[in-house]
C-alpha cells in the first residue's frame, strides 16, 4: 500500500460530530491518527474551533452534500439523530438513505450507534444480536427499518458496523441524555438525583468514551468483519436501578454537595405531555424504565478480546464535571480494558 493510499484509508466522515457520541468518536479518531471530516449547516463557523476536524458546509438531509463530504473517506460514522426524540418519521430514514448513497460512492464502511428501541418485550430481559426485532414503539419501528436498509445495502457491497448500547452518559453529552436531563440538571450543582425507573428494575448504561473506543477498535478490524456486523456493548449494568444514582451521590458528596434521591416526577410529565412534543415522546419510551433490559456483549468480547471499560465512579465524576455539575473542574477519565 502506498503512503497516499494509507492516508486515504484513514479518512473518516463523522455525521453528528457536534453531538455527544459523534463528537467523541471524532476526537478519538483524530487521536488515533485519522483525518476526520464533519458536516455542519454552519461549517465555516464551526471550523474556527481549531479542533483539527475538516468541517464541511452542508446538511445530513442533503444527499449531494453528504456524498461530496464522503469522497475519499473509508468510514462514515452515522451519529446524527433528531434532538429531543422529535421528527423521527421525517428525518431518520432520509438521513440514513443519504449516508448509504455516500458510502456506495466512496466505498466506505458505515458505523452506526444502535439503540435498544429495536426490540420488543418478547426479547427481554437479555438482548443478543440475533434475536428477532419486534419493537412496540414508532421510534423502534423506524430504527428497525433503518437497520434493514443498511443490511440491504450490505448485500450490495456497503459494509456496516452497528454498536448497540444502553443509555449514553458522558462529559460532552447533554441533549438526548437521561443522565444530564433526568437524573441531574446540567449546569447546576447536584442537589437532587431523580430516579425514573421502578425500584429493583435493572438498567443498562453506556459511557460514551468507552463506546467510541469500542467503535474505533472495530473500525480497525472492519476488513475481517461480516458485511453487516452487529455488536452489543455491555457498559455498566445497574442491577437494581439504584447504583447510578448512588454513584452520582457519592461523587457529588465528595465535592461538597448534599444530594437527595427522589422519584422522577412522571405525573408532571403526563400532565404536560399534551402540550410538549418532547414529553409525549418521552412517555412512549417509558417502558425502558419499567422492566430490566440488558445487552449481552459476548460477541464483542469474542471479537476484541475485551471491552473498553471506565470504572463507574470515574465515569460519573468526568460526566458531572463535563456537564457543569461540579463547578469548574475539568473532566478527565481514561478507559481500562478487561474481559467483561
C-alpha atoms as a PDB file:
ATOM      1  CA  UNK A   1       0.000   0.000   0.000  1.00  0.00           C
ATOM      2  CA  UNK A   2       1.345   3.427  -0.926  1.00  0.00           C
ATOM      3  CA  UNK A   3       1.631   6.250   1.623  1.00  0.00           C
ATOM      4  CA  UNK A   4      -1.187   8.090  -0.154  1.00  0.00           C
ATOM      5  CA  UNK A   5      -3.424   5.009  -0.098  1.00  0.00           C
ATOM      6  CA  UNK A   6      -2.735   4.584   3.612  1.00  0.00           C
ATOM      7  CA  UNK A   7      -3.741   8.172   4.306  1.00  0.00           C
ATOM      8  CA  UNK A   8      -6.950   7.807   2.302  1.00  0.00           C
ATOM      9  CA  UNK A   9      -7.762   4.598   4.164  1.00  0.00           C
ATOM     10  CA  UNK A  10      -7.632   6.575   7.416  1.00  0.00           C
ATOM     11  CA  UNK A  11     -10.050   9.324   6.416  1.00  0.00           C
ATOM     12  CA  UNK A  12     -13.475   9.310   8.097  1.00  0.00           C
ATOM     13  CA  UNK A  13     -16.613  11.400   7.745  1.00  0.00           C
ATOM     14  CA  UNK A  14     -18.486  11.878  11.027  1.00  0.00           C
ATOM     15  CA  UNK A  15     -22.123  12.923  10.762  1.00  0.00           C
ATOM     16  CA  UNK A  16     -23.318  14.361  14.052  1.00  0.00           C
ATOM     17  CA  UNK A  17     -19.842  15.478  15.174  1.00  0.00           C
ATOM     18  CA  UNK A  18     -21.294  18.235  17.363  1.00  0.00           C
ATOM     19  CA  UNK A  19     -23.235  15.636  19.357  1.00  0.00           C
ATOM     20  CA  UNK A  20     -22.096  13.544  22.294  1.00  0.00           C
ATOM     21  CA  UNK A  21     -21.260  10.228  20.628  1.00  0.00           C
ATOM     22  CA  UNK A  22     -20.301  11.709  17.238  1.00  0.00           C
ATOM     23  CA  UNK A  23     -18.030  14.273  18.843  1.00  0.00           C
ATOM     24  CA  UNK A  24     -16.317  11.652  20.987  1.00  0.00           C
ATOM     25  CA  UNK A  25     -15.751   9.316  18.031  1.00  0.00           C
ATOM     26  CA  UNK A  26     -14.337  12.236  16.017  1.00  0.00           C
ATOM     27  CA  UNK A  27     -11.943  13.159  18.844  1.00  0.00           C
ATOM     28  CA  UNK A  28     -10.719   9.619  19.316  1.00  0.00           C
ATOM     29  CA  UNK A  29     -10.288   9.073  15.583  1.00  0.00           C
ATOM     30  CA  UNK A  30      -8.091  12.197  15.450  1.00  0.00           C
ATOM     31  CA  UNK A  31      -6.046  10.882  18.378  1.00  0.00           C
ATOM     32  CA  UNK A  32      -5.646   7.575  16.505  1.00  0.00           C
ATOM     33  CA  UNK A  33      -4.153   9.380  13.506  1.00  0.00           C
ATOM     34  CA  UNK A  34      -7.221   9.614  11.290  1.00  0.00           C
ATOM     35  CA  UNK A  35      -8.151  12.550   9.103  1.00  0.00           C
ATOM     36  CA  UNK A  36     -11.653  13.491  10.220  1.00  0.00           C
ATOM     37  CA  UNK A  37     -14.262  15.381   8.233  1.00  0.00           C
ATOM     38  CA  UNK A  38     -17.587  16.576   9.553  1.00  0.00           C
ATOM     39  CA  UNK A  39     -20.694  18.083   8.011  1.00  0.00           C
ATOM     40  CA  UNK A  40     -22.488  21.055   9.545  1.00  0.00           C
ATOM     41  CA  UNK A  41     -25.033  23.598   8.348  1.00  0.00           C
ATOM     42  CA  UNK A  42     -22.688  26.320   9.632  1.00  0.00           C
ATOM     43  CA  UNK A  43     -19.450  24.607   8.715  1.00  0.00           C
ATOM     44  CA  UNK A  44     -17.454  27.801   8.248  1.00  0.00           C
ATOM     45  CA  UNK A  45     -18.275  28.980  11.771  1.00  0.00           C
ATOM     46  CA  UNK A  46     -17.576  25.641  13.423  1.00  0.00           C
ATOM     47  CA  UNK A  47     -14.276  25.303  11.540  1.00  0.00           C
ATOM     48  CA  UNK A  48     -12.813  28.153  13.595  1.00  0.00           C
ATOM     49  CA  UNK A  49     -12.805  25.962  16.727  1.00  0.00           C
ATOM     50  CA  UNK A  50      -9.324  24.637  15.966  1.00  0.00           C
ATOM     51  CA  UNK A  51     -10.257  21.038  16.826  1.00  0.00           C
ATOM     52  CA  UNK A  52      -8.335  19.533  13.903  1.00  0.00           C
ATOM     53  CA  UNK A  53     -11.518  18.443  12.118  1.00  0.00           C
ATOM     54  CA  UNK A  54     -12.122  19.321   8.468  1.00  0.00           C
ATOM     55  CA  UNK A  55     -15.571  20.905   8.718  1.00  0.00           C
ATOM     56  CA  UNK A  56     -17.632  20.926   5.526  1.00  0.00           C
ATOM     57  CA  UNK A  57     -20.689  23.088   4.866  1.00  0.00           C
ATOM     58  CA  UNK A  58     -23.831  21.024   4.450  1.00  0.00           C
ATOM     59  CA  UNK A  59     -26.785  19.189   5.958  1.00  0.00           C
ATOM     60  CA  UNK A  60     -27.186  15.442   6.554  1.00  0.00           C
ATOM     61  CA  UNK A  61     -30.614  15.822   4.908  1.00  0.00           C
ATOM     62  CA  UNK A  62     -28.946  16.922   1.639  1.00  0.00           C
ATOM     63  CA  UNK A  63     -27.766  13.875  -0.291  1.00  0.00           C
ATOM     64  CA  UNK A  64     -25.314  15.682  -2.543  1.00  0.00           C
ATOM     65  CA  UNK A  65     -23.710  17.404   0.440  1.00  0.00           C
ATOM     66  CA  UNK A  66     -23.156  14.055   2.188  1.00  0.00           C
ATOM     67  CA  UNK A  67     -21.825  12.413  -0.986  1.00  0.00           C
ATOM     68  CA  UNK A  68     -19.375  15.284  -1.578  1.00  0.00           C
ATOM     69  CA  UNK A  69     -18.138  15.234   2.008  1.00  0.00           C
ATOM     70  CA  UNK A  70     -17.623  11.449   1.941  1.00  0.00           C
ATOM     71  CA  UNK A  71     -15.446  11.332  -1.189  1.00  0.00           C
ATOM     72  CA  UNK A  72     -12.083   9.811  -0.314  1.00  0.00           C
ATOM     73  CA  UNK A  73     -13.315   8.511   3.053  1.00  0.00           C
ATOM     74  CA  UNK A  74     -13.130   4.845   4.027  1.00  0.00           C
ATOM     75  CA  UNK A  75     -15.512   5.208   7.001  1.00  0.00           C
ATOM     76  CA  UNK A  76     -18.742   7.149   7.602  1.00  0.00           C
ATOM     77  CA  UNK A  77     -19.854   7.403  11.228  1.00  0.00           C
ATOM     78  CA  UNK A  78     -23.617   7.960  11.203  1.00  0.00           C
ATOM     79  CA  UNK A  79     -24.133   9.522  14.637  1.00  0.00           C
ATOM     80  CA  UNK A  80     -26.710  12.101  13.635  1.00  0.00           C
ATOM     81  CA  UNK A  81     -30.050  11.920  15.414  1.00  0.00           C
ATOM     82  CA  UNK A  82     -33.035  14.285  15.765  1.00  0.00           C
ATOM     83  CA  UNK A  83     -32.869  16.062  19.154  1.00  0.00           C
ATOM     84  CA  UNK A  84     -35.461  15.522  21.844  1.00  0.00           C
ATOM     85  CA  UNK A  85     -36.967  12.468  20.082  1.00  0.00           C
ATOM     86  CA  UNK A  86     -38.702  14.870  17.657  1.00  0.00           C
ATOM     87  CA  UNK A  87     -39.435  14.491  13.917  1.00  0.00           C
ATOM     88  CA  UNK A  88     -38.150  10.926  13.643  1.00  0.00           C
ATOM     89  CA  UNK A  89     -40.506   9.915  10.789  1.00  0.00           C
ATOM     90  CA  UNK A  90     -39.391  12.874   8.648  1.00  0.00           C
ATOM     91  CA  UNK A  91     -35.662  12.836   9.380  1.00  0.00           C
ATOM     92  CA  UNK A  92     -34.234   9.465  10.424  1.00  0.00           C
ATOM     93  CA  UNK A  93     -34.776   7.390   7.276  1.00  0.00           C
ATOM     94  CA  UNK A  94     -33.900  10.121   4.737  1.00  0.00           C
ATOM     95  CA  UNK A  95     -30.615  10.727   6.575  1.00  0.00           C
ATOM     96  CA  UNK A  96     -29.607   7.052   6.560  1.00  0.00           C
ATOM     97  CA  UNK A  97     -30.542   6.897   2.874  1.00  0.00           C
ATOM     98  CA  UNK A  98     -28.110   9.727   2.193  1.00  0.00           C
ATOM     99  CA  UNK A  99     -25.371   8.018   4.197  1.00  0.00           C
ATOM    100  CA  UNK A 100     -25.876   4.763   2.286  1.00  0.00           C
ATOM    101  CA  UNK A 101     -25.694   6.622  -1.033  1.00  0.00           C
ATOM    102  CA  UNK A 102     -22.469   8.342   0.045  1.00  0.00           C
ATOM    103  CA  UNK A 103     -20.962   5.053   1.260  1.00  0.00           C
ATOM    104  CA  UNK A 104     -21.739   3.425  -2.096  1.00  0.00           C
ATOM    105  CA  UNK A 105     -19.938   6.192  -3.981  1.00  0.00           C
ATOM    106  CA  UNK A 106     -16.951   6.314  -1.619  1.00  0.00           C
ATOM    107  CA  UNK A 107     -16.681   2.574  -0.946  1.00  0.00           C
ATOM    108  CA  UNK A 108     -16.881   3.386   2.757  1.00  0.00           C
ATOM    109  CA  UNK A 109     -17.909   1.357   5.806  1.00  0.00           C
ATOM    110  CA  UNK A 110     -20.874   2.778   7.742  1.00  0.00           C
ATOM    111  CA  UNK A 111     -20.592   2.813  11.543  1.00  0.00           C
ATOM    112  CA  UNK A 112     -23.843   3.248  13.479  1.00  0.00           C
ATOM    113  CA  UNK A 113     -24.525   3.737  17.202  1.00  0.00           C
ATOM    114  CA  UNK A 114     -27.508   1.415  17.706  1.00  0.00           C
ATOM    115  CA  UNK A 115     -30.336   1.507  20.237  1.00  0.00           C
ATOM    116  CA  UNK A 116     -32.400  -0.973  22.244  1.00  0.00           C
ATOM    117  CA  UNK A 117     -35.579   0.521  20.730  1.00  0.00           C
ATOM    118  CA  UNK A 118     -35.430  -2.168  18.026  1.00  0.00           C
ATOM    119  CA  UNK A 119     -36.521  -4.887  20.446  1.00  0.00           C
ATOM    120  CA  UNK A 120     -39.886  -5.638  21.996  1.00  0.00           C
ATOM    121  CA  UNK A 121     -40.925  -7.459  25.170  1.00  0.00           C
ATOM    122  CA  UNK A 122     -40.507 -10.884  23.541  1.00  0.00           C
ATOM    123  CA  UNK A 123     -36.728 -10.285  23.522  1.00  0.00           C
ATOM    124  CA  UNK A 124     -36.392  -9.032  27.118  1.00  0.00           C
ATOM    125  CA  UNK A 125     -34.640  -9.141  29.515  1.00  0.00           C
ATOM    126  CA  UNK A 126     -31.313 -10.146  27.880  1.00  0.00           C
ATOM    127  CA  UNK A 127     -30.694  -8.938  24.333  1.00  0.00           C
ATOM    128  CA  UNK A 128     -28.428 -10.719  21.871  1.00  0.00           C
ATOM    129  CA  UNK A 129     -27.623  -9.564  18.353  1.00  0.00           C
ATOM    130  CA  UNK A 130     -29.575 -12.348  16.640  1.00  0.00           C
ATOM    131  CA  UNK A 131     -32.908 -12.039  18.421  1.00  0.00           C
ATOM    132  CA  UNK A 132     -35.923 -11.027  16.321  1.00  0.00           C
ATOM    133  CA  UNK A 133     -36.645  -7.309  16.365  1.00  0.00           C
ATOM    134  CA  UNK A 134     -40.331  -6.699  17.140  1.00  0.00           C
ATOM    135  CA  UNK A 135     -40.488  -3.176  18.602  1.00  0.00           C
ATOM    136  CA  UNK A 136     -43.502  -1.822  20.457  1.00  0.00           C
ATOM    137  CA  UNK A 137     -42.959   1.878  19.591  1.00  0.00           C
ATOM    138  CA  UNK A 138     -42.955   4.069  16.482  1.00  0.00           C
ATOM    139  CA  UNK A 139     -39.327   5.038  17.036  1.00  0.00           C
ATOM    140  CA  UNK A 140     -38.401   1.392  17.439  1.00  0.00           C
ATOM    141  CA  UNK A 141     -40.038   0.545  14.111  1.00  0.00           C
ATOM    142  CA  UNK A 142     -38.104   3.367  12.452  1.00  0.00           C
ATOM    143  CA  UNK A 143     -34.816   2.079  13.872  1.00  0.00           C
ATOM    144  CA  UNK A 144     -35.608  -1.436  12.644  1.00  0.00           C
ATOM    145  CA  UNK A 145     -36.250  -0.062   9.147  1.00  0.00           C
ATOM    146  CA  UNK A 146     -33.035   1.970   9.334  1.00  0.00           C
ATOM    147  CA  UNK A 147     -31.001  -1.157  10.063  1.00  0.00           C
ATOM    148  CA  UNK A 148     -32.941  -3.119   7.441  1.00  0.00           C
ATOM    149  CA  UNK A 149     -31.854  -0.590   4.829  1.00  0.00           C
ATOM    150  CA  UNK A 150     -28.242  -0.893   5.968  1.00  0.00           C
ATOM    151  CA  UNK A 151     -28.432  -4.681   5.820  1.00  0.00           C
ATOM    152  CA  UNK A 152     -29.861  -4.496   2.300  1.00  0.00           C
ATOM    153  CA  UNK A 153     -27.038  -2.135   1.327  1.00  0.00           C
ATOM    154  CA  UNK A 154     -24.501  -4.583   2.773  1.00  0.00           C
ATOM    155  CA  UNK A 155     -25.696  -7.138   0.228  1.00  0.00           C
ATOM    156  CA  UNK A 156     -24.757  -4.542  -2.410  1.00  0.00           C
ATOM    157  CA  UNK A 157     -21.243  -4.064  -1.045  1.00  0.00           C
ATOM    158  CA  UNK A 158     -21.723  -1.378   1.641  1.00  0.00           C
ATOM    159  CA  UNK A 159     -20.198  -2.689   4.849  1.00  0.00           C
ATOM    160  CA  UNK A 160     -21.838  -1.718   8.138  1.00  0.00           C
ATOM    161  CA  UNK A 161     -20.846  -1.944  11.810  1.00  0.00           C
ATOM    162  CA  UNK A 162     -23.613  -1.454  14.383  1.00  0.00           C
ATOM    163  CA  UNK A 163     -22.663  -0.996  18.039  1.00  0.00           C
ATOM    164  CA  UNK A 164     -25.783  -1.188  20.201  1.00  0.00           C
ATOM    165  CA  UNK A 165     -25.567   0.248  23.704  1.00  0.00           C
ATOM    166  CA  UNK A 166     -27.690   1.280  26.662  1.00  0.00           C
ATOM    167  CA  UNK A 167     -28.397   4.813  27.885  1.00  0.00           C
ATOM    168  CA  UNK A 168     -25.468   7.066  26.968  1.00  0.00           C
ATOM    169  CA  UNK A 169     -23.759   9.308  29.504  1.00  0.00           C
ATOM    170  CA  UNK A 170     -20.522  11.245  29.228  1.00  0.00           C
ATOM    171  CA  UNK A 171     -18.734  14.573  29.760  1.00  0.00           C
ATOM    172  CA  UNK A 172     -19.876  16.090  26.453  1.00  0.00           C
ATOM    173  CA  UNK A 173     -23.411  14.698  26.332  1.00  0.00           C
ATOM    174  CA  UNK A 174     -26.332  16.878  27.413  1.00  0.00           C
ATOM    175  CA  UNK A 175     -29.050  16.659  24.747  1.00  0.00           C
ATOM    176  CA  UNK A 176     -30.998  13.384  24.485  1.00  0.00           C
ATOM    177  CA  UNK A 177     -29.463  12.301  27.788  1.00  0.00           C
ATOM    178  CA  UNK A 178     -31.360  10.850  30.738  1.00  0.00           C
ATOM    179  CA  UNK A 179     -28.289  11.391  32.902  1.00  0.00           C
ATOM    180  CA  UNK A 180     -27.951  15.126  32.179  1.00  0.00           C
ATOM    181  CA  UNK A 181     -31.644  15.965  31.805  1.00  0.00           C
ATOM    182  CA  UNK A 182     -33.377  13.452  34.053  1.00  0.00           C
ATOM    183  CA  UNK A 183     -31.149  12.263  36.905  1.00  0.00           C
ATOM    184  CA  UNK A 184     -29.459  15.654  37.375  1.00  0.00           C
ATOM    185  CA  UNK A 185     -29.728  19.103  35.826  1.00  0.00           C
ATOM    186  CA  UNK A 186     -26.775  20.006  33.607  1.00  0.00           C
ATOM    187  CA  UNK A 187     -25.074  23.262  34.561  1.00  0.00           C
ATOM    188  CA  UNK A 188     -26.208  23.136  38.195  1.00  0.00           C
ATOM    189  CA  UNK A 189     -24.722  21.636  41.366  1.00  0.00           C
ATOM    190  CA  UNK A 190     -26.236  18.284  42.272  1.00  0.00           C
ATOM    191  CA  UNK A 191     -28.944  18.825  44.868  1.00  0.00           C
ATOM    192  CA  UNK A 192     -31.475  16.183  43.805  1.00  0.00           C
ATOM    193  CA  UNK A 193     -30.995  12.924  41.919  1.00  0.00           C
ATOM    194  CA  UNK A 194     -34.236  11.802  40.264  1.00  0.00           C
ATOM    195  CA  UNK A 195     -34.814   8.094  39.569  1.00  0.00           C
ATOM    196  CA  UNK A 196     -37.165   7.362  36.628  1.00  0.00           C
ATOM    197  CA  UNK A 197     -37.131   3.573  36.990  1.00  0.00           C
ATOM    198  CA  UNK A 198     -39.085   1.218  39.183  1.00  0.00           C
ATOM    199  CA  UNK A 199     -37.305   0.078  42.362  1.00  0.00           C
ATOM    200  CA  UNK A 200     -35.451  -3.167  41.739  1.00  0.00           C
ATOM    201  CA  UNK A 201     -35.548  -2.876  37.915  1.00  0.00           C
ATOM    202  CA  UNK A 202     -32.108  -3.082  36.299  1.00  0.00           C
ATOM    203  CA  UNK A 203     -30.927  -0.619  33.675  1.00  0.00           C
ATOM    204  CA  UNK A 204     -28.079  -0.563  31.144  1.00  0.00           C
ATOM    205  CA  UNK A 205     -25.741   2.444  30.896  1.00  0.00           C
ATOM    206  CA  UNK A 206     -23.025   3.189  28.343  1.00  0.00           C
ATOM    207  CA  UNK A 207     -20.163   5.625  28.988  1.00  0.00           C
ATOM    208  CA  UNK A 208     -19.662   7.465  25.703  1.00  0.00           C
ATOM    209  CA  UNK A 209     -15.814   7.449  25.626  1.00  0.00           C
ATOM    210  CA  UNK A 210     -15.875   3.665  26.098  1.00  0.00           C
ATOM    211  CA  UNK A 211     -18.415   3.214  23.296  1.00  0.00           C
ATOM    212  CA  UNK A 212     -16.352   5.420  20.999  1.00  0.00           C
ATOM    213  CA  UNK A 213     -13.188   3.463  21.738  1.00  0.00           C
ATOM    214  CA  UNK A 214     -15.064   0.241  21.007  1.00  0.00           C
ATOM    215  CA  UNK A 215     -16.177   1.614  17.641  1.00  0.00           C
ATOM    216  CA  UNK A 216     -12.646   2.628  16.723  1.00  0.00           C
ATOM    217  CA  UNK A 217     -11.268  -0.793  17.604  1.00  0.00           C
ATOM    218  CA  UNK A 218     -13.950  -2.412  15.438  1.00  0.00           C
ATOM    219  CA  UNK A 219     -13.212   0.039  12.609  1.00  0.00           C
ATOM    220  CA  UNK A 220      -9.591  -1.123  12.711  1.00  0.00           C
ATOM    221  CA  UNK A 221     -10.844  -4.698  12.173  1.00  0.00           C
ATOM    222  CA  UNK A 222     -13.532  -3.833   9.616  1.00  0.00           C
ATOM    223  CA  UNK A 223     -11.996  -5.836   6.783  1.00  0.00           C
ATOM    224  CA  UNK A 224     -12.275  -9.032   8.855  1.00  0.00           C
ATOM    225  CA  UNK A 225     -15.881  -8.499   9.981  1.00  0.00           C
ATOM    226  CA  UNK A 226     -19.069  -9.651   8.237  1.00  0.00           C
ATOM    227  CA  UNK A 227     -20.542  -7.223   5.704  1.00  0.00           C
ATOM    228  CA  UNK A 228     -23.291  -6.373   8.208  1.00  0.00           C
ATOM    229  CA  UNK A 229     -21.744  -6.720  11.659  1.00  0.00           C
ATOM    230  CA  UNK A 230     -23.703  -6.038  14.844  1.00  0.00           C
ATOM    231  CA  UNK A 231     -22.298  -5.907  18.360  1.00  0.00           C
ATOM    232  CA  UNK A 232     -23.826  -5.322  21.775  1.00  0.00           C
ATOM    233  CA  UNK A 233     -21.867  -3.180  24.231  1.00  0.00           C
ATOM    234  CA  UNK A 234     -22.092  -4.176  27.903  1.00  0.00           C
ATOM    235  CA  UNK A 235     -21.091  -0.957  29.631  1.00  0.00           C
ATOM    236  CA  UNK A 236     -22.441  -0.520  33.167  1.00  0.00           C
ATOM    237  CA  UNK A 237     -25.267  -2.731  34.393  1.00  0.00           C
ATOM    238  CA  UNK A 238     -27.286  -1.130  37.191  1.00  0.00           C
ATOM    239  CA  UNK A 239     -28.718  -4.330  38.608  1.00  0.00           C
ATOM    240  CA  UNK A 240     -31.405  -2.842  40.861  1.00  0.00           C
ATOM    241  CA  UNK A 241     -31.881   0.595  39.301  1.00  0.00           C
ATOM    242  CA  UNK A 242     -30.202   2.475  42.160  1.00  0.00           C
ATOM    243  CA  UNK A 243     -26.467   2.109  41.526  1.00  0.00           C
ATOM    244  CA  UNK A 244     -26.146   5.003  39.076  1.00  0.00           C
ATOM    245  CA  UNK A 245     -27.957   7.337  41.468  1.00  0.00           C
ATOM    246  CA  UNK A 246     -25.770   6.166  44.344  1.00  0.00           C
ATOM    247  CA  UNK A 247     -22.632   6.783  42.294  1.00  0.00           C
ATOM    248  CA  UNK A 248     -23.811  10.307  41.473  1.00  0.00           C
ATOM    249  CA  UNK A 249     -24.469  10.950  45.160  1.00  0.00           C
ATOM    250  CA  UNK A 250     -21.041   9.597  46.168  1.00  0.00           C
ATOM    251  CA  UNK A 251     -19.191  11.787  43.681  1.00  0.00           C
ATOM    252  CA  UNK A 252     -21.273  14.882  44.396  1.00  0.00           C
ATOM    253  CA  UNK A 253     -20.830  14.454  48.153  1.00  0.00           C
ATOM    254  CA  UNK A 254     -17.049  14.349  47.735  1.00  0.00           C
ATOM    255  CA  UNK A 255     -17.351  17.736  46.021  1.00  0.00           C
ATOM    256  CA  UNK A 256     -19.312  19.372  48.818  1.00  0.00           C
ATOM    257  CA  UNK A 257     -22.895  18.680  47.738  1.00  0.00           C
ATOM    258  CA  UNK A 258     -25.622  17.039  49.843  1.00  0.00           C
ATOM    259  CA  UNK A 259     -27.827  15.418  47.196  1.00  0.00           C
ATOM    260  CA  UNK A 260     -31.125  13.688  47.891  1.00  0.00           C
ATOM    261  CA  UNK A 261     -32.674  10.886  45.875  1.00  0.00           C
ATOM    262  CA  UNK A 262     -36.254  11.269  44.701  1.00  0.00           C
ATOM    263  CA  UNK A 263     -38.581   9.566  42.273  1.00  0.00           C
ATOM    264  CA  UNK A 264     -38.767  11.118  38.815  1.00  0.00           C
ATOM    265  CA  UNK A 265     -41.983  13.215  38.501  1.00  0.00           C
ATOM    266  CA  UNK A 266     -43.724  11.150  35.848  1.00  0.00           C
ATOM    267  CA  UNK A 267     -47.111  12.582  36.899  1.00  0.00           C
ATOM    268  CA  UNK A 268     -45.968  16.047  35.834  1.00  0.00           C
ATOM    269  CA  UNK A 269     -44.731  14.660  32.510  1.00  0.00           C
ATOM    270  CA  UNK A 270     -48.150  13.107  31.862  1.00  0.00           C
ATOM    271  CA  UNK A 271     -49.854  16.391  32.713  1.00  0.00           C
ATOM    272  CA  UNK A 272     -47.649  18.479  30.406  1.00  0.00           C
ATOM    273  CA  UNK A 273     -47.276  15.938  27.580  1.00  0.00           C
ATOM    274  CA  UNK A 274     -50.340  17.134  25.584  1.00  0.00           C
ATOM    275  CA  UNK A 275     -48.620  20.499  25.198  1.00  0.00           C
ATOM    276  CA  UNK A 276     -44.939  19.482  24.763  1.00  0.00           C
ATOM    277  CA  UNK A 277     -43.812  17.193  21.939  1.00  0.00           C
ATOM    278  CA  UNK A 278     -40.622  16.057  23.682  1.00  0.00           C
ATOM    279  CA  UNK A 279     -42.560  14.965  26.770  1.00  0.00           C
ATOM    280  CA  UNK A 280     -45.009  12.947  24.657  1.00  0.00           C
ATOM    281  CA  UNK A 281     -42.075  11.186  23.033  1.00  0.00           C
ATOM    282  CA  UNK A 282     -40.509  10.530  26.442  1.00  0.00           C
ATOM    283  CA  UNK A 283     -43.681   8.791  27.592  1.00  0.00           C
ATOM    284  CA  UNK A 284     -43.545   6.455  24.604  1.00  0.00           C
ATOM    285  CA  UNK A 285     -40.126   5.276  25.803  1.00  0.00           C
ATOM    286  CA  UNK A 286     -41.056   4.921  29.476  1.00  0.00           C
ATOM    287  CA  UNK A 287     -41.284   1.153  29.117  1.00  0.00           C
ATOM    288  CA  UNK A 288     -37.461   1.096  29.072  1.00  0.00           C
ATOM    289  CA  UNK A 289     -37.560   2.074  32.753  1.00  0.00           C
ATOM    290  CA  UNK A 290     -40.291  -0.384  33.740  1.00  0.00           C
ATOM    291  CA  UNK A 291     -38.532  -3.658  33.007  1.00  0.00           C
ATOM    292  CA  UNK A 292     -34.897  -4.820  33.011  1.00  0.00           C
ATOM    293  CA  UNK A 293     -33.218  -4.822  29.599  1.00  0.00           C
ATOM    294  CA  UNK A 294     -29.600  -5.989  29.458  1.00  0.00           C
ATOM    295  CA  UNK A 295     -27.272  -6.243  26.455  1.00  0.00           C
ATOM    296  CA  UNK A 296     -25.200  -9.417  26.088  1.00  0.00           C
ATOM    297  CA  UNK A 297     -21.688  -8.451  24.886  1.00  0.00           C
ATOM    298  CA  UNK A 298     -20.402 -11.988  24.292  1.00  0.00           C
ATOM    299  CA  UNK A 299     -19.865 -11.383  20.571  1.00  0.00           C
ATOM    300  CA  UNK A 300     -17.969  -8.148  21.217  1.00  0.00           C
ATOM    301  CA  UNK A 301     -15.675  -9.828  23.745  1.00  0.00           C
ATOM    302  CA  UNK A 302     -15.016 -12.678  21.315  1.00  0.00           C
ATOM    303  CA  UNK A 303     -14.065 -10.160  18.608  1.00  0.00           C
ATOM    304  CA  UNK A 304     -11.956  -7.696  20.615  1.00  0.00           C
ATOM    305  CA  UNK A 305     -10.865  -9.923  23.496  1.00  0.00           C
ATOM    306  CA  UNK A 306     -12.178  -7.327  25.970  1.00  0.00           C
ATOM    307  CA  UNK A 307     -14.470  -4.325  26.195  1.00  0.00           C
ATOM    308  CA  UNK A 308     -13.187  -0.801  26.942  1.00  0.00           C
ATOM    309  CA  UNK A 309     -14.467  -0.021  30.420  1.00  0.00           C
ATOM    310  CA  UNK A 310     -14.081   3.004  32.705  1.00  0.00           C
ATOM    311  CA  UNK A 311     -14.929   2.403  36.399  1.00  0.00           C
ATOM    312  CA  UNK A 312     -18.363   3.780  37.262  1.00  0.00           C
ATOM    313  CA  UNK A 313     -17.339   6.443  39.788  1.00  0.00           C
ATOM    314  CA  UNK A 314     -14.565   7.677  37.461  1.00  0.00           C
ATOM    315  CA  UNK A 315     -17.025   7.910  34.568  1.00  0.00           C
ATOM    316  CA  UNK A 316     -19.651   9.640  36.713  1.00  0.00           C
ATOM    317  CA  UNK A 317     -17.125  12.186  38.010  1.00  0.00           C
ATOM    318  CA  UNK A 318     -15.970  13.018  34.471  1.00  0.00           C
ATOM    319  CA  UNK A 319     -19.572  13.304  33.313  1.00  0.00           C
ATOM    320  CA  UNK A 320     -20.695  15.563  36.158  1.00  0.00           C
ATOM    321  CA  UNK A 321     -17.652  17.783  35.640  1.00  0.00           C
ATOM    322  CA  UNK A 322     -18.156  17.910  31.893  1.00  0.00           C
ATOM    323  CA  UNK A 323     -21.826  18.909  32.071  1.00  0.00           C
ATOM    324  CA  UNK A 324     -21.158  21.627  34.639  1.00  0.00           C
ATOM    325  CA  UNK A 325     -22.340  19.997  37.852  1.00  0.00           C
ATOM    326  CA  UNK A 326     -19.015  20.079  39.741  1.00  0.00           C
ATOM    327  CA  UNK A 327     -18.019  23.697  39.286  1.00  0.00           C
ATOM    328  CA  UNK A 328     -15.029  24.446  37.037  1.00  0.00           C
ATOM    329  CA  UNK A 329     -13.219  21.151  37.465  1.00  0.00           C
ATOM    330  CA  UNK A 330     -12.118  19.759  34.105  1.00  0.00           C
ATOM    331  CA  UNK A 331     -13.234  16.227  33.228  1.00  0.00           C
ATOM    332  CA  UNK A 332     -10.641  13.508  32.940  1.00  0.00           C
ATOM    333  CA  UNK A 333     -11.281   9.783  32.611  1.00  0.00           C
ATOM    334  CA  UNK A 334      -9.498   7.010  30.782  1.00  0.00           C
ATOM    335  CA  UNK A 335     -10.822   3.609  29.878  1.00  0.00           C
ATOM    336  CA  UNK A 336      -9.444   0.458  31.377  1.00  0.00           C
ATOM    337  CA  UNK A 337      -9.559  -2.763  29.373  1.00  0.00           C
ATOM    338  CA  UNK A 338     -10.784  -6.004  30.849  1.00  0.00           C
ATOM    339  CA  UNK A 339     -12.522  -9.136  29.563  1.00  0.00           C
ATOM    340  CA  UNK A 340     -16.091  -8.386  30.575  1.00  0.00           C
END
